[in-house]
Amino acid sequence: MMELERYDGNPILSPNPKNAWESEVTTNPGAWYDEKTGTVYLLYRAAGADPEHKIHLGLAVSNDGYNFERTSDQPVFSPSVDGFDAGCVEDPRIVRMGNYFYVTYACRPFPPG
């Protein structure tokens, strides 16, 4: 039997008020652990205070799985301008098959706000 313990340092990633696109919410990530480098990649859902509440994906990395640093001040993936995911992209999941990483996500044609 595996026993889990809640990390006292939660949340491991909080909203960043310096970036409008992630100033209000950071949540529901997908993660990948690279055994060769010991790096944890965290693809997370983020939103700001814009009236439409568009949702984007950001990327953060960690060498210990607890202390994460964002890779950019910009989202790594955002809703399209006029496509099926024009409202939001959210809830990323990552799987590796061979040499490729596949990311799936939920989306909406209109922003939730």
C-alpha atoms as a PDB file:
ATOM      1  CA  MET A   1       0.000   0.000   0.000  1.00  0.00           C
ATOM      2  CA  MET A   2       1.237   3.479  -0.887  1.00  0.00           C
ATOM      3  CA  GLU A   3       0.772   6.273   1.616  1.00  0.00           C
ATOM      4  CA  LEU A   4       0.536   9.816   0.277  1.00  0.00           C
ATOM      5  CA  GLU A   5       1.304  12.956   2.216  1.00  0.00           C
ATOM      6  CA  ARG A   6       0.169  16.472   1.287  1.00  0.00           C
ATOM      7  CA  TYR A   7       3.078  18.821   0.507  1.00  0.00           C
ATOM      8  CA  ASP A   8       3.268  21.634   3.082  1.00  0.00           C
ATOM      9  CA  GLY A   9       4.499  24.082   0.431  1.00  0.00           C
ATOM     10  CA  ASN A  10       1.262  24.026  -1.602  1.00  0.00           C
ATOM     11  CA  PRO A  11       0.412  25.530  -3.911  1.00  0.00           C
ATOM     12  CA  ILE A  12       3.509  24.742  -5.930  1.00  0.00           C
ATOM     13  CA  LEU A  13       2.510  27.313  -8.575  1.00  0.00           C
ATOM     14  CA  SER A  14       0.443  30.431  -7.868  1.00  0.00           C
ATOM     15  CA  PRO A  15      -0.990  33.090 -10.190  1.00  0.00           C
ATOM     16  CA  ASN A  16       1.527  35.689 -11.335  1.00  0.00           C
ATOM     17  CA  PRO A  17       0.109  39.241 -11.145  1.00  0.00           C
ATOM     18  CA  LYS A  18       2.948  40.481 -13.434  1.00  0.00           C
ATOM     19  CA  ASN A  19       1.482  38.533 -16.384  1.00  0.00           C
ATOM     20  CA  ALA A  20      -2.055  39.567 -17.346  1.00  0.00           C
ATOM     21  CA  TRP A  21      -2.815  36.162 -18.915  1.00  0.00           C
ATOM     22  CA  GLU A  22      -2.123  34.285 -15.619  1.00  0.00           C
ATOM     23  CA  SER A  23      -2.831  36.904 -12.958  1.00  0.00           C
ATOM     24  CA  GLU A  24      -5.922  35.233 -11.474  1.00  0.00           C
ATOM     25  CA  VAL A  25      -5.731  31.445 -11.889  1.00  0.00           C
ATOM     26  CA  THR A  26      -3.099  28.715 -12.235  1.00  0.00           C
ATOM     27  CA  THR A  27      -4.553  25.237 -11.940  1.00  0.00           C
ATOM     28  CA  ASN A  28      -5.072  21.700 -13.256  1.00  0.00           C
ATOM     29  CA  PRO A  29      -1.675  20.900 -14.811  1.00  0.00           C
ATOM     30  CA  GLY A  30      -0.400  17.991 -16.800  1.00  0.00           C
ATOM     31  CA  ALA A  31       3.120  16.875 -15.869  1.00  0.00           C
ATOM     32  CA  TRP A  32       5.968  14.956 -17.433  1.00  0.00           C
ATOM     33  CA  TYR A  33       9.092  13.675 -15.651  1.00  0.00           C
ATOM     34  CA  ASP A  34      12.222  13.368 -17.790  1.00  0.00           C
ATOM     35  CA  GLU A  35      14.261  10.564 -16.205  1.00  0.00           C
ATOM     36  CA  LYS A  36      17.406  11.469 -18.163  1.00  0.00           C
ATOM     37  CA  THR A  37      17.616  15.041 -16.858  1.00  0.00           C
ATOM     38  CA  GLY A  38      15.608  14.743 -13.650  1.00  0.00           C
ATOM     39  CA  THR A  39      13.380  17.592 -14.811  1.00  0.00           C
ATOM     40  CA  VAL A  40       9.633  17.841 -14.185  1.00  0.00           C
ATOM     41  CA  TYR A  41       7.718  19.758 -16.858  1.00  0.00           C
ATOM     42  CA  LEU A  42       4.407  21.241 -15.737  1.00  0.00           C
ATOM     43  CA  LEU A  43       1.951  22.386 -18.420  1.00  0.00           C
ATOM     44  CA  TYR A  44      -0.650  24.384 -16.490  1.00  0.00           C
ATOM     45  CA  ARG A  45      -3.977  26.111 -17.069  1.00  0.00           C
ATOM     46  CA  ALA A  46      -3.957  29.870 -16.443  1.00  0.00           C
ATOM     47  CA  ALA A  47      -6.294  32.848 -16.732  1.00  0.00           C
ATOM     48  CA  GLY A  48      -6.234  36.547 -15.990  1.00  0.00           C
ATOM     49  CA  ALA A  49      -8.796  39.182 -15.081  1.00  0.00           C
ATOM     50  CA  ASP A  50      -9.937  39.902 -18.642  1.00  0.00           C
ATOM     51  CA  PRO A  51     -13.744  40.148 -19.044  1.00  0.00           C
ATOM     52  CA  GLU A  52     -13.902  37.103 -21.341  1.00  0.00           C
ATOM     53  CA  HIS A  53     -11.743  35.028 -18.955  1.00  0.00           C
ATOM     54  CA  LYS A  54      -9.774  33.403 -21.785  1.00  0.00           C
ATOM     55  CA  ILE A  55      -7.774  30.410 -20.608  1.00  0.00           C
ATOM     56  CA  HIS A  56      -4.192  29.715 -21.749  1.00  0.00           C
ATOM     57  CA  LEU A  57      -1.479  27.136 -21.056  1.00  0.00           C
ATOM     58  CA  GLY A  58       1.809  28.009 -19.395  1.00  0.00           C
ATOM     59  CA  LEU A  59       4.935  25.929 -18.816  1.00  0.00           C
ATOM     60  CA  ALA A  60       7.010  25.637 -15.647  1.00  0.00           C
ATOM     61  CA  VAL A  61       9.957  23.361 -14.837  1.00  0.00           C
ATOM     62  CA  SER A  62      11.450  21.905 -11.667  1.00  0.00           C
ATOM     63  CA  ASN A  63      14.444  19.786 -10.694  1.00  0.00           C
ATOM     64  CA  ASP A  64      12.828  18.524  -7.485  1.00  0.00           C
ATOM     65  CA  GLY A  65       9.092  18.404  -8.332  1.00  0.00           C
ATOM     66  CA  TYR A  66       8.241  21.021  -5.704  1.00  0.00           C
ATOM     67  CA  ASN A  67       9.917  24.284  -6.694  1.00  0.00           C
ATOM     68  CA  PHE A  68       8.835  25.371 -10.168  1.00  0.00           C
ATOM     69  CA  GLU A  69      10.038  28.204 -12.377  1.00  0.00           C
ATOM     70  CA  ARG A  70       8.093  29.507 -15.351  1.00  0.00           C
ATOM     71  CA  THR A  71       9.875  29.147 -18.680  1.00  0.00           C
ATOM     72  CA  SER A  72       8.402  32.377 -20.094  1.00  0.00           C
ATOM     73  CA  ASP A  73       6.300  35.430 -19.295  1.00  0.00           C
ATOM     74  CA  GLN A  74       4.100  34.413 -22.238  1.00  0.00           C
ATOM     75  CA  PRO A  75       1.737  31.441 -22.565  1.00  0.00           C
ATOM     76  CA  VAL A  76       3.111  28.457 -24.469  1.00  0.00           C
ATOM     77  CA  PHE A  77      -0.308  27.793 -26.003  1.00  0.00           C
ATOM     78  CA  SER A  78      -3.381  30.014 -26.321  1.00  0.00           C
ATOM     79  CA  PRO A  79      -6.844  29.834 -27.839  1.00  0.00           C
ATOM     80  CA  SER A  80      -6.958  30.296 -31.599  1.00  0.00           C
ATOM     81  CA  VAL A  81      -8.357  33.492 -33.050  1.00  0.00           C
ATOM     82  CA  ASP A  82     -11.274  31.893 -34.889  1.00  0.00           C
ATOM     83  CA  GLY A  83     -10.995  28.104 -34.575  1.00  0.00           C
ATOM     84  CA  PHE A  84     -12.808  25.438 -32.608  1.00  0.00           C
ATOM     85  CA  ASP A  85     -10.766  26.366 -29.512  1.00  0.00           C
ATOM     86  CA  ALA A  86     -11.178  30.159 -29.797  1.00  0.00           C
ATOM     87  CA  GLY A  87     -12.635  30.477 -26.300  1.00  0.00           C
ATOM     88  CA  CYS A  88     -10.166  28.625 -24.173  1.00  0.00           C
ATOM     89  CA  VAL A  89      -7.663  25.802 -23.965  1.00  0.00           C
ATOM     90  CA  GLU A  90      -7.518  23.964 -20.658  1.00  0.00           C
ATOM     91  CA  ASP A  91      -6.758  20.784 -18.713  1.00  0.00           C
ATOM     92  CA  PRO A  92      -3.647  19.622 -20.597  1.00  0.00           C
ATOM     93  CA  ARG A  93      -2.508  16.007 -20.462  1.00  0.00           C
ATOM     94  CA  ILE A  94       0.849  14.732 -21.734  1.00  0.00           C
ATOM     95  CA  VAL A  95       1.892  11.271 -22.896  1.00  0.00           C
ATOM     96  CA  ARG A  96       5.091  10.140 -24.593  1.00  0.00           C
ATOM     97  CA  MET A  97       5.006   7.625 -27.435  1.00  0.00           C
ATOM     98  CA  GLY A  98       8.439   6.826 -28.804  1.00  0.00           C
ATOM     99  CA  ASN A  99      10.262  10.072 -29.545  1.00  0.00           C
ATOM    100  CA  TYR A 100       7.101  12.194 -29.570  1.00  0.00           C
ATOM    101  CA  PHE A 101       5.127  13.911 -26.839  1.00  0.00           C
ATOM    102  CA  TYR A 102       1.390  14.210 -27.370  1.00  0.00           C
ATOM    103  CA  VAL A 103      -0.626  16.854 -25.563  1.00  0.00           C
ATOM    104  CA  THR A 104      -4.393  16.732 -25.384  1.00  0.00           C
ATOM    105  CA  TYR A 105      -6.528  19.508 -23.985  1.00  0.00           C
ATOM    106  CA  ALA A 106     -10.145  20.472 -23.451  1.00  0.00           C
ATOM    107  CA  CYS A 107     -11.437  23.549 -25.250  1.00  0.00           C
ATOM    108  CA  ARG A 108     -14.473  25.733 -25.861  1.00  0.00           C
ATOM    109  CA  PRO A 109     -15.434  27.746 -28.933  1.00  0.00           C
ATOM    110  CA  PHE A 110     -16.352  30.727 -26.711  1.00  0.00           C
ATOM    111  CA  PRO A 111     -14.653  32.136 -23.617  1.00  0.00           C
ATOM    112  CA  PRO A 112     -16.266  31.043 -20.348  1.00  0.00           C
ATOM    113  CA  GLY A 113     -16.703  34.640 -19.128  1.00  0.00           C
END
